[in-house]
Amino acid sequence: MRRLGHVSVAQGIKKRIDEPGVKVELHLFSVASEFDKRAAAYAPVSYLKKPPYCILLYSKSSVPPIEEITKPKLEMSASVLGIRASEVLRRVCPNFSAI
């Protein structure tokens, strides 16, 4: 998880997010089960005169530890994945209109 700080956003995506007259939101999704935990971040982009679309900005999955762990702890660790992703993405692209 320490490698998360080395995420970079492709120039094309950043240009689209920073365009004037564009509304970009950051949506985060995280889930955990006994088999794995996952997190994803995507950005719905809305223009005034163009059709809206979505950009997948980040996704990560990992398997839980071998030892027995409770479901709430798994859910919490999946949430931490999403929060860390949002911190990096907001630092790289600070122009999100909502999170």
PDB file of N, CA and C in Angstrom:
ATOM      1  N   MET A   1       0.805  -1.204   0.000  1.00  0.00           N
ATOM      2  CA  MET A   1       0.000   0.000   0.000  1.00  0.00           C
ATOM      3  C   MET A   1       0.846   1.267   0.000  1.00  0.00           C
ATOM      4  N   ARG A   2       2.081   1.179   0.366  1.00  0.00           N
ATOM      5  CA  ARG A   2       2.939   2.360   0.375  1.00  0.00           C
ATOM      6  C   ARG A   2       3.191   2.883  -1.030  1.00  0.00           C
ATOM      7  N   ARG A   3       3.027   2.050  -2.031  1.00  0.00           N
ATOM      8  CA  ARG A   3       3.280   2.462  -3.408  1.00  0.00           C
ATOM      9  C   ARG A   3       2.172   3.364  -3.933  1.00  0.00           C
ATOM     10  N   LEU A   4       1.090   3.509  -3.196  1.00  0.00           N
ATOM     11  CA  LEU A   4      -0.033   4.322  -3.630  1.00  0.00           C
ATOM     12  C   LEU A   4       0.382   5.769  -3.890  1.00  0.00           C
ATOM     13  N   GLY A   5       1.344   6.284  -3.156  1.00  0.00           N
ATOM     14  CA  GLY A   5       1.794   7.655  -3.335  1.00  0.00           C
ATOM     15  C   GLY A   5       2.457   7.906  -4.672  1.00  0.00           C
ATOM     16  N   HIS A   6       2.790   6.876  -5.415  1.00  0.00           N
ATOM     17  CA  HIS A   6       3.462   7.020  -6.703  1.00  0.00           C
ATOM     18  C   HIS A   6       2.487   6.984  -7.875  1.00  0.00           C
ATOM     19  N   VAL A   7       1.208   7.155  -7.617  1.00  0.00           N
ATOM     20  CA  VAL A   7       0.201   7.132  -8.676  1.00  0.00           C
ATOM     21  C   VAL A   7       0.315   8.411  -9.491  1.00  0.00           C
ATOM     22  N   SER A   8       0.217   8.293 -10.789  1.00  0.00           N
ATOM     23  CA  SER A   8       0.181   9.479 -11.638  1.00  0.00           C
ATOM     24  C   SER A   8      -1.033   9.380 -12.553  1.00  0.00           C
ATOM     25  N   VAL A   9      -1.586  10.532 -12.878  1.00  0.00           N
ATOM     26  CA  VAL A   9      -2.759  10.582 -13.744  1.00  0.00           C
ATOM     27  C   VAL A   9      -2.295  10.934 -15.145  1.00  0.00           C
ATOM     28  N   ALA A  10      -2.771  10.189 -16.122  1.00  0.00           N
ATOM     29  CA  ALA A  10      -2.386  10.448 -17.512  1.00  0.00           C
ATOM     30  C   ALA A  10      -2.759  11.877 -17.895  1.00  0.00           C
ATOM     31  N   GLN A  11      -1.946  12.496 -18.698  1.00  0.00           N
ATOM     32  CA  GLN A  11      -2.148  13.894 -19.064  1.00  0.00           C
ATOM     33  C   GLN A  11      -3.511  14.123 -19.708  1.00  0.00           C
ATOM     34  N   GLY A  12      -3.962  13.189 -20.523  1.00  0.00           N
ATOM     35  CA  GLY A  12      -5.252  13.351 -21.185  1.00  0.00           C
ATOM     36  C   GLY A  12      -6.406  13.444 -20.207  1.00  0.00           C
ATOM     37  N   ILE A  13      -6.375  12.648 -19.170  1.00  0.00           N
ATOM     38  CA  ILE A  13      -7.436  12.677 -18.166  1.00  0.00           C
ATOM     39  C   ILE A  13      -7.377  13.986 -17.392  1.00  0.00           C
ATOM     40  N   LYS A  14      -6.213  14.387 -16.961  1.00  0.00           N
ATOM     41  CA  LYS A  14      -6.074  15.620 -16.190  1.00  0.00           C
ATOM     42  C   LYS A  14      -6.514  16.829 -17.005  1.00  0.00           C
ATOM     43  N   LYS A  15      -6.210  16.846 -18.302  1.00  0.00           N
ATOM     44  CA  LYS A  15      -6.656  17.951 -19.151  1.00  0.00           C
ATOM     45  C   LYS A  15      -8.176  18.023 -19.183  1.00  0.00           C
ATOM     46  N   ARG A  16      -8.837  16.867 -19.310  1.00  0.00           N
ATOM     47  CA  ARG A  16     -10.299  16.857 -19.361  1.00  0.00           C
ATOM     48  C   ARG A  16     -10.899  17.321 -18.043  1.00  0.00           C
ATOM     49  N   ILE A  17     -10.293  16.930 -16.930  1.00  0.00           N
ATOM     50  CA  ILE A  17     -10.824  17.310 -15.624  1.00  0.00           C
ATOM     51  C   ILE A  17     -10.651  18.804 -15.381  1.00  0.00           C
ATOM     52  N   ASP A  18      -9.579  19.401 -15.873  1.00  0.00           N
ATOM     53  CA  ASP A  18      -9.284  20.813 -15.631  1.00  0.00           C
ATOM     54  C   ASP A  18      -9.921  21.762 -16.643  1.00  0.00           C
ATOM     55  N   GLU A  19     -10.651  21.260 -17.639  1.00  0.00           N
ATOM     56  CA  GLU A  19     -11.283  22.132 -18.633  1.00  0.00           C
ATOM     57  C   GLU A  19     -12.306  23.042 -17.963  1.00  0.00           C
ATOM     58  N   PRO A  20     -12.448  24.286 -18.462  1.00  0.00           N
ATOM     59  CA  PRO A  20     -13.485  25.165 -17.917  1.00  0.00           C
ATOM     60  C   PRO A  20     -14.873  24.677 -18.332  1.00  0.00           C
ATOM     61  N   GLY A  21     -15.854  24.881 -17.476  1.00  0.00           N
ATOM     62  CA  GLY A  21     -17.225  24.480 -17.780  1.00  0.00           C
ATOM     63  C   GLY A  21     -17.492  23.001 -17.608  1.00  0.00           C
ATOM     64  N   VAL A  22     -16.614  22.301 -16.914  1.00  0.00           N
ATOM     65  CA  VAL A  22     -16.762  20.862 -16.695  1.00  0.00           C
ATOM     66  C   VAL A  22     -17.018  20.618 -15.215  1.00  0.00           C
ATOM     67  N   LYS A  23     -17.986  19.756 -14.935  1.00  0.00           N
ATOM     68  CA  LYS A  23     -18.262  19.363 -13.552  1.00  0.00           C
ATOM     69  C   LYS A  23     -17.762  17.931 -13.379  1.00  0.00           C
ATOM     70  N   VAL A  24     -16.803  17.740 -12.491  1.00  0.00           N
ATOM     71  CA  VAL A  24     -16.202  16.429 -12.257  1.00  0.00           C
ATOM     72  C   VAL A  24     -16.341  16.082 -10.782  1.00  0.00           C
ATOM     73  N   GLU A  25     -16.912  14.931 -10.508  1.00  0.00           N
ATOM     74  CA  GLU A  25     -17.048  14.449  -9.138  1.00  0.00           C
ATOM     75  C   GLU A  25     -16.141  13.245  -8.941  1.00  0.00           C
ATOM     76  N   LEU A  26     -15.715  13.027  -7.723  1.00  0.00           N
ATOM     77  CA  LEU A  26     -14.913  11.853  -7.388  1.00  0.00           C
ATOM     78  C   LEU A  26     -15.801  10.892  -6.611  1.00  0.00           C
ATOM     79  N   HIS A  27     -16.002   9.697  -7.143  1.00  0.00           N
ATOM     80  CA  HIS A  27     -16.802   8.668  -6.482  1.00  0.00           C
ATOM     81  C   HIS A  27     -15.884   7.530  -6.058  1.00  0.00           C
ATOM     82  N   LEU A  28     -16.066   7.079  -4.833  1.00  0.00           N
ATOM     83  CA  LEU A  28     -15.260   5.986  -4.293  1.00  0.00           C
ATOM     84  C   LEU A  28     -16.157   4.808  -3.966  1.00  0.00           C
ATOM     85  N   PHE A  29     -15.652   3.621  -4.185  1.00  0.00           N
ATOM     86  CA  PHE A  29     -16.382   2.391  -3.895  1.00  0.00           C
ATOM     87  C   PHE A  29     -15.407   1.421  -3.249  1.00  0.00           C
ATOM     88  N   SER A  30     -15.793   0.835  -2.120  1.00  0.00           N
ATOM     89  CA  SER A  30     -14.950  -0.192  -1.498  1.00  0.00           C
ATOM     90  C   SER A  30     -15.846  -1.286  -0.938  1.00  0.00           C
ATOM     91  N   VAL A  31     -15.341  -2.514  -0.979  1.00  0.00           N
ATOM     92  CA  VAL A  31     -16.098  -3.666  -0.499  1.00  0.00           C
ATOM     93  C   VAL A  31     -15.107  -4.727  -0.038  1.00  0.00           C
ATOM     94  N   ALA A  32     -15.548  -5.533   0.911  1.00  0.00           N
ATOM     95  CA  ALA A  32     -14.693  -6.617   1.411  1.00  0.00           C
ATOM     96  C   ALA A  32     -15.533  -7.867   1.623  1.00  0.00           C
ATOM     97  N   SER A  33     -14.904  -9.005   1.450  1.00  0.00           N
ATOM     98  CA  SER A  33     -15.527 -10.295   1.741  1.00  0.00           C
ATOM     99  C   SER A  33     -14.463 -11.191   2.352  1.00  0.00           C
ATOM    100  N   GLU A  34     -14.812 -12.421   2.661  1.00  0.00           N
ATOM    101  CA  GLU A  34     -13.809 -13.328   3.220  1.00  0.00           C
ATOM    102  C   GLU A  34     -12.755 -13.715   2.182  1.00  0.00           C
ATOM    103  N   PHE A  35     -13.012 -13.420   0.906  1.00  0.00           N
ATOM    104  CA  PHE A  35     -12.089 -13.793  -0.164  1.00  0.00           C
ATOM    105  C   PHE A  35     -11.150 -12.669  -0.584  1.00  0.00           C
ATOM    106  N   ASP A  36     -11.624 -11.428  -0.571  1.00  0.00           N
ATOM    107  CA  ASP A  36     -10.788 -10.312  -0.998  1.00  0.00           C
ATOM    108  C   ASP A  36     -11.369  -8.997  -0.527  1.00  0.00           C
ATOM    109  N   LYS A  37     -10.601  -7.926  -0.736  1.00  0.00           N
ATOM    110  CA  LYS A  37     -11.096  -6.570  -0.506  1.00  0.00           C
ATOM    111  C   LYS A  37     -10.745  -5.746  -1.733  1.00  0.00           C
ATOM    112  N   ARG A  38     -11.644  -4.813  -2.087  1.00  0.00           N
ATOM    113  CA  ARG A  38     -11.473  -4.044  -3.318  1.00  0.00           C
ATOM    114  C   ARG A  38     -11.834  -2.587  -3.077  1.00  0.00           C
ATOM    115  N   ALA A  39     -11.214  -1.732  -3.852  1.00  0.00           N
ATOM    116  CA  ALA A  39     -11.547  -0.315  -3.842  1.00  0.00           C
ATOM    117  C   ALA A  39     -11.413   0.211  -5.264  1.00  0.00           C
ATOM    118  N   ALA A  40     -12.278   1.153  -5.606  1.00  0.00           N
ATOM    119  CA  ALA A  40     -12.226   1.776  -6.926  1.00  0.00           C
ATOM    120  C   ALA A  40     -12.599   3.249  -6.790  1.00  0.00           C
ATOM    121  N   ALA A  41     -12.016   4.060  -7.648  1.00  0.00           N
ATOM    122  CA  ALA A  41     -12.345   5.477  -7.713  1.00  0.00           C
ATOM    123  C   ALA A  41     -12.637   5.811  -9.168  1.00  0.00           C
ATOM    124  N   TYR A  42     -13.750   6.488  -9.380  1.00  0.00           N
ATOM    125  CA  TYR A  42     -14.089   6.895 -10.737  1.00  0.00           C
ATOM    126  C   TYR A  42     -14.656   8.302 -10.705  1.00  0.00           C
ATOM    127  N   ALA A  43     -14.642   8.945 -11.860  1.00  0.00           N
ATOM    128  CA  ALA A  43     -15.070  10.334 -11.958  1.00  0.00           C
ATOM    129  C   ALA A  43     -16.115  10.489 -13.049  1.00  0.00           C
ATOM    130  N   PRO A  44     -17.380  10.754 -12.673  1.00  0.00           N
ATOM    131  CA  PRO A  44     -18.367  11.145 -13.677  1.00  0.00           C
ATOM    132  C   PRO A  44     -18.066  12.577 -14.147  1.00  0.00           C
ATOM    133  N   VAL A  45     -17.999  12.769 -15.438  1.00  0.00           N
ATOM    134  CA  VAL A  45     -17.669  14.069 -16.024  1.00  0.00           C
ATOM    135  C   VAL A  45     -18.899  14.590 -16.753  1.00  0.00           C
ATOM    136  N   SER A  46     -19.331  15.808 -16.414  1.00  0.00           N
ATOM    137  CA  SER A  46     -20.512  16.418 -17.042  1.00  0.00           C
ATOM    138  C   SER A  46     -20.116  17.710 -17.742  1.00  0.00           C
ATOM    139  N   TYR A  47     -20.504  17.817 -18.998  1.00  0.00           N
ATOM    140  CA  TYR A  47     -20.301  19.034 -19.780  1.00  0.00           C
ATOM    141  C   TYR A  47     -21.644  19.724 -19.955  1.00  0.00           C
ATOM    142  N   LEU A  48     -21.601  20.996 -20.326  1.00  0.00           N
ATOM    143  CA  LEU A  48     -22.844  21.706 -20.602  1.00  0.00           C
ATOM    144  C   LEU A  48     -23.454  21.269 -21.929  1.00  0.00           C
ATOM    145  N   LYS A  49     -22.623  21.049 -22.961  1.00  0.00           N
ATOM    146  CA  LYS A  49     -23.142  20.768 -24.302  1.00  0.00           C
ATOM    147  C   LYS A  49     -22.727  19.415 -24.853  1.00  0.00           C
ATOM    148  N   LYS A  50     -22.063  18.591 -24.061  1.00  0.00           N
ATOM    149  CA  LYS A  50     -21.640  17.265 -24.507  1.00  0.00           C
ATOM    150  C   LYS A  50     -22.265  16.211 -23.604  1.00  0.00           C
ATOM    151  N   PRO A  51     -22.377  14.982 -24.091  1.00  0.00           N
ATOM    152  CA  PRO A  51     -22.912  13.930 -23.225  1.00  0.00           C
ATOM    153  C   PRO A  51     -21.936  13.593 -22.090  1.00  0.00           C
ATOM    154  N   PRO A  52     -22.460  13.253 -20.913  1.00  0.00           N
ATOM    155  CA  PRO A  52     -21.582  12.908 -19.791  1.00  0.00           C
ATOM    156  C   PRO A  52     -20.938  11.534 -19.981  1.00  0.00           C
ATOM    157  N   TYR A  53     -19.855  11.306 -19.290  1.00  0.00           N
ATOM    158  CA  TYR A  53     -19.190  10.002 -19.321  1.00  0.00           C
ATOM    159  C   TYR A  53     -18.458   9.796 -18.003  1.00  0.00           C
ATOM    160  N   CYS A  54     -17.921   8.602 -17.810  1.00  0.00           N
ATOM    161  CA  CYS A  54     -17.207   8.238 -16.585  1.00  0.00           C
ATOM    162  C   CYS A  54     -15.773   7.843 -16.903  1.00  0.00           C
ATOM    163  N   ILE A  55     -14.860   8.167 -15.998  1.00  0.00           N
ATOM    164  CA  ILE A  55     -13.456   7.780 -16.122  1.00  0.00           C
ATOM    165  C   ILE A  55     -13.090   6.954 -14.894  1.00  0.00           C
ATOM    166  N   LEU A  56     -12.559   5.763 -15.109  1.00  0.00           N
ATOM    167  CA  LEU A  56     -12.024   4.974 -14.000  1.00  0.00           C
ATOM    168  C   LEU A  56     -10.630   5.507 -13.693  1.00  0.00           C
ATOM    169  N   LEU A  57     -10.446   6.003 -12.475  1.00  0.00           N
ATOM    170  CA  LEU A  57      -9.174   6.607 -12.102  1.00  0.00           C
ATOM    171  C   LEU A  57      -8.260   5.657 -11.344  1.00  0.00           C
ATOM    172  N   TYR A  58      -8.849   4.721 -10.603  1.00  0.00           N
ATOM    173  CA  TYR A  58      -8.038   3.884  -9.719  1.00  0.00           C
ATOM    174  C   TYR A  58      -8.822   2.634  -9.362  1.00  0.00           C
ATOM    175  N   SER A  59      -8.133   1.517  -9.278  1.00  0.00           N
ATOM    176  CA  SER A  59      -8.740   0.298  -8.729  1.00  0.00           C
ATOM    177  C   SER A  59      -7.649  -0.540  -8.082  1.00  0.00           C
ATOM    178  N   LYS A  60      -8.023  -1.213  -7.025  1.00  0.00           N
ATOM    179  CA  LYS A  60      -7.063  -2.056  -6.312  1.00  0.00           C
ATOM    180  C   LYS A  60      -7.830  -3.172  -5.626  1.00  0.00           C
ATOM    181  N   SER A  61      -7.224  -4.341  -5.607  1.00  0.00           N
ATOM    182  CA  SER A  61      -7.789  -5.463  -4.858  1.00  0.00           C
ATOM    183  C   SER A  61      -6.654  -6.193  -4.167  1.00  0.00           C
ATOM    184  N   SER A  62      -6.985  -6.848  -3.082  1.00  0.00           N
ATOM    185  CA  SER A  62      -5.985  -7.641  -2.369  1.00  0.00           C
ATOM    186  C   SER A  62      -6.695  -8.738  -1.592  1.00  0.00           C
ATOM    187  N   VAL A  63      -5.969  -9.776  -1.302  1.00  0.00           N
ATOM    188  CA  VAL A  63      -6.533 -10.885  -0.535  1.00  0.00           C
ATOM    189  C   VAL A  63      -6.367 -10.586   0.947  1.00  0.00           C
ATOM    190  N   PRO A  64      -7.281 -11.093   1.774  1.00  0.00           N
ATOM    191  CA  PRO A  64      -7.162 -10.851   3.212  1.00  0.00           C
ATOM    192  C   PRO A  64      -6.021 -11.677   3.806  1.00  0.00           C
ATOM    193  N   PRO A  65      -5.616 -11.357   5.017  1.00  0.00           N
ATOM    194  CA  PRO A  65      -4.553 -12.130   5.650  1.00  0.00           C
ATOM    195  C   PRO A  65      -4.964 -13.581   5.887  1.00  0.00           C
ATOM    196  N   ILE A  66      -3.976 -14.445   6.066  1.00  0.00           N
ATOM    197  CA  ILE A  66      -4.252 -15.870   6.262  1.00  0.00           C
ATOM    198  C   ILE A  66      -4.997 -16.110   7.567  1.00  0.00           C
ATOM    199  N   GLU A  67      -4.609 -15.404   8.625  1.00  0.00           N
ATOM    200  CA  GLU A  67      -5.278 -15.615   9.905  1.00  0.00           C
ATOM    201  C   GLU A  67      -6.719 -15.093   9.852  1.00  0.00           C
ATOM    202  N   GLU A  68      -7.538 -15.640  10.709  1.00  0.00           N
ATOM    203  CA  GLU A  68      -8.958 -15.274  10.772  1.00  0.00           C
ATOM    204  C   GLU A  68      -9.089 -13.798  11.156  1.00  0.00           C
ATOM    205  N   ILE A  69      -9.925 -13.077  10.440  1.00  0.00           N
ATOM    206  CA  ILE A  69     -10.161 -11.662  10.729  1.00  0.00           C
ATOM    207  C   ILE A  69     -11.661 -11.410  10.629  1.00  0.00           C
ATOM    208  N   THR A  70     -12.179 -10.523  11.440  1.00  0.00           N
ATOM    209  CA  THR A  70     -13.621 -10.283  11.468  1.00  0.00           C
ATOM    210  C   THR A  70     -14.056  -9.485  10.239  1.00  0.00           C
ATOM    211  N   LYS A  71     -15.313  -9.633   9.906  1.00  0.00           N
ATOM    212  CA  LYS A  71     -15.884  -8.921   8.752  1.00  0.00           C
ATOM    213  C   LYS A  71     -15.774  -7.396   8.912  1.00  0.00           C
ATOM    214  N   PRO A  72     -16.087  -6.831  10.096  1.00  0.00           N
ATOM    215  CA  PRO A  72     -15.928  -5.376  10.237  1.00  0.00           C
ATOM    216  C   PRO A  72     -14.493  -4.892   9.996  1.00  0.00           C
ATOM    217  N   LYS A  73     -13.506  -5.663  10.432  1.00  0.00           N
ATOM    218  CA  LYS A  73     -12.113  -5.264  10.189  1.00  0.00           C
ATOM    219  C   LYS A  73     -11.782  -5.320   8.703  1.00  0.00           C
ATOM    220  N   LEU A  74     -12.322  -6.324   8.001  1.00  0.00           N
ATOM    221  CA  LEU A  74     -12.111  -6.395   6.549  1.00  0.00           C
ATOM    222  C   LEU A  74     -12.742  -5.194   5.848  1.00  0.00           C
ATOM    223  N   GLU A  75     -13.970  -4.852   6.254  1.00  0.00           N
ATOM    224  CA  GLU A  75     -14.650  -3.694   5.660  1.00  0.00           C
ATOM    225  C   GLU A  75     -13.875  -2.411   5.939  1.00  0.00           C
ATOM    226  N   MET A  76     -13.359  -2.292   7.159  1.00  0.00           N
ATOM    227  CA  MET A  76     -12.588  -1.100   7.507  1.00  0.00           C
ATOM    228  C   MET A  76     -11.316  -1.007   6.665  1.00  0.00           C
ATOM    229  N   SER A  77     -10.635  -2.122   6.462  1.00  0.00           N
ATOM    230  CA  SER A  77      -9.410  -2.074   5.657  1.00  0.00           C
ATOM    231  C   SER A  77      -9.724  -1.759   4.195  1.00  0.00           C
ATOM    232  N   ALA A  78     -10.876  -2.203   3.695  1.00  0.00           N
ATOM    233  CA  ALA A  78     -11.285  -1.833   2.334  1.00  0.00           C
ATOM    234  C   ALA A  78     -11.586  -0.335   2.261  1.00  0.00           C
ATOM    235  N   SER A  79     -12.198   0.206   3.312  1.00  0.00           N
ATOM    236  CA  SER A  79     -12.464   1.646   3.353  1.00  0.00           C
ATOM    237  C   SER A  79     -11.167   2.444   3.363  1.00  0.00           C
ATOM    238  N   VAL A  80     -10.175   1.945   4.080  1.00  0.00           N
ATOM    239  CA  VAL A  80      -8.873   2.617   4.117  1.00  0.00           C
ATOM    240  C   VAL A  80      -8.251   2.650   2.722  1.00  0.00           C
ATOM    241  N   LEU A  81      -8.406   1.564   1.959  1.00  0.00           N
ATOM    242  CA  LEU A  81      -7.921   1.563   0.568  1.00  0.00           C
ATOM    243  C   LEU A  81      -8.547   2.719  -0.214  1.00  0.00           C
ATOM    244  N   GLY A  82      -9.866   2.883  -0.076  1.00  0.00           N
ATOM    245  CA  GLY A  82     -10.566   3.949  -0.786  1.00  0.00           C
ATOM    246  C   GLY A  82     -10.154   5.335  -0.329  1.00  0.00           C
ATOM    247  N   ILE A  83      -9.979   5.507   0.976  1.00  0.00           N
ATOM    248  CA  ILE A  83      -9.586   6.812   1.510  1.00  0.00           C
ATOM    249  C   ILE A  83      -8.191   7.192   1.039  1.00  0.00           C
ATOM    250  N   ARG A  84      -7.277   6.253   1.055  1.00  0.00           N
ATOM    251  CA  ARG A  84      -5.915   6.546   0.579  1.00  0.00           C
ATOM    252  C   ARG A  84      -5.917   6.901  -0.905  1.00  0.00           C
ATOM    253  N   ALA A  85      -6.741   6.219  -1.662  1.00  0.00           N
ATOM    254  CA  ALA A  85      -6.852   6.550  -3.088  1.00  0.00           C
ATOM    255  C   ALA A  85      -7.382   7.967  -3.263  1.00  0.00           C
ATOM    256  N   SER A  86      -8.400   8.346  -2.475  1.00  0.00           N
ATOM    257  CA  SER A  86      -8.968   9.691  -2.615  1.00  0.00           C
ATOM    258  C   SER A  86      -7.953  10.760  -2.241  1.00  0.00           C
ATOM    259  N   GLU A  87      -7.129  10.510  -1.224  1.00  0.00           N
ATOM    260  CA  GLU A  87      -6.112  11.490  -0.835  1.00  0.00           C
ATOM    261  C   GLU A  87      -5.120  11.733  -1.968  1.00  0.00           C
ATOM    262  N   VAL A  88      -4.680  10.668  -2.602  1.00  0.00           N
ATOM    263  CA  VAL A  88      -3.728  10.809  -3.707  1.00  0.00           C
ATOM    264  C   VAL A  88      -4.388  11.505  -4.892  1.00  0.00           C
ATOM    265  N   LEU A  89      -5.607  11.101  -5.239  1.00  0.00           N
ATOM    266  CA  LEU A  89      -6.284  11.681  -6.404  1.00  0.00           C
ATOM    267  C   LEU A  89      -6.616  13.152  -6.185  1.00  0.00           C
ATOM    268  N   ARG A  90      -7.004  13.530  -4.974  1.00  0.00           N
ATOM    269  CA  ARG A  90      -7.293  14.944  -4.709  1.00  0.00           C
ATOM    270  C   ARG A  90      -6.026  15.789  -4.737  1.00  0.00           C
ATOM    271  N   ARG A  91      -4.897  15.191  -4.388  1.00  0.00           N
ATOM    272  CA  ARG A  91      -3.629  15.921  -4.457  1.00  0.00           C
ATOM    273  C   ARG A  91      -3.209  16.116  -5.920  1.00  0.00           C
ATOM    274  N   VAL A  92      -3.414  15.092  -6.748  1.00  0.00           N
ATOM    275  CA  VAL A  92      -3.025  15.159  -8.160  1.00  0.00           C
ATOM    276  C   VAL A  92      -4.000  16.018  -8.960  1.00  0.00           C
ATOM    277  N   CYS A  93      -5.291  15.874  -8.698  1.00  0.00           N
ATOM    278  CA  CYS A  93      -6.345  16.609  -9.422  1.00  0.00           C
ATOM    279  C   CYS A  93      -7.242  17.302  -8.401  1.00  0.00           C
ATOM    280  N   PRO A  94      -6.898  18.501  -7.948  1.00  0.00           N
ATOM    281  CA  PRO A  94      -7.673  19.148  -6.885  1.00  0.00           C
ATOM    282  C   PRO A  94      -8.989  19.777  -7.339  1.00  0.00           C
ATOM    283  N   ASN A  95      -9.369  19.666  -8.606  1.00  0.00           N
ATOM    284  CA  ASN A  95     -10.537  20.375  -9.128  1.00  0.00           C
ATOM    285  C   ASN A  95     -11.831  19.576  -9.103  1.00  0.00           C
ATOM    286  N   PHE A  96     -11.929  18.531  -8.305  1.00  0.00           N
ATOM    287  CA  PHE A  96     -13.187  17.791  -8.226  1.00  0.00           C
ATOM    288  C   PHE A  96     -14.243  18.679  -7.581  1.00  0.00           C
ATOM    289  N   SER A  97     -15.455  18.712  -8.167  1.00  0.00           N
ATOM    290  CA  SER A  97     -16.506  19.570  -7.630  1.00  0.00           C
ATOM    291  C   SER A  97     -17.175  18.953  -6.413  1.00  0.00           C
ATOM    292  N   ALA A  98     -17.152  17.637  -6.280  1.00  0.00           N
ATOM    293  CA  ALA A  98     -17.744  16.959  -5.122  1.00  0.00           C
ATOM    294  C   ALA A  98     -17.021  15.642  -4.913  1.00  0.00           C
ATOM    295  N   ILE A  99     -17.045  15.192  -3.676  1.00  0.00           N
ATOM    296  CA  ILE A  99     -16.425  13.904  -3.349  1.00  0.00           C
ATOM    297  C   ILE A  99     -17.428  13.074  -2.588  1.00  0.00           C
TER     298      ILE A  99
END
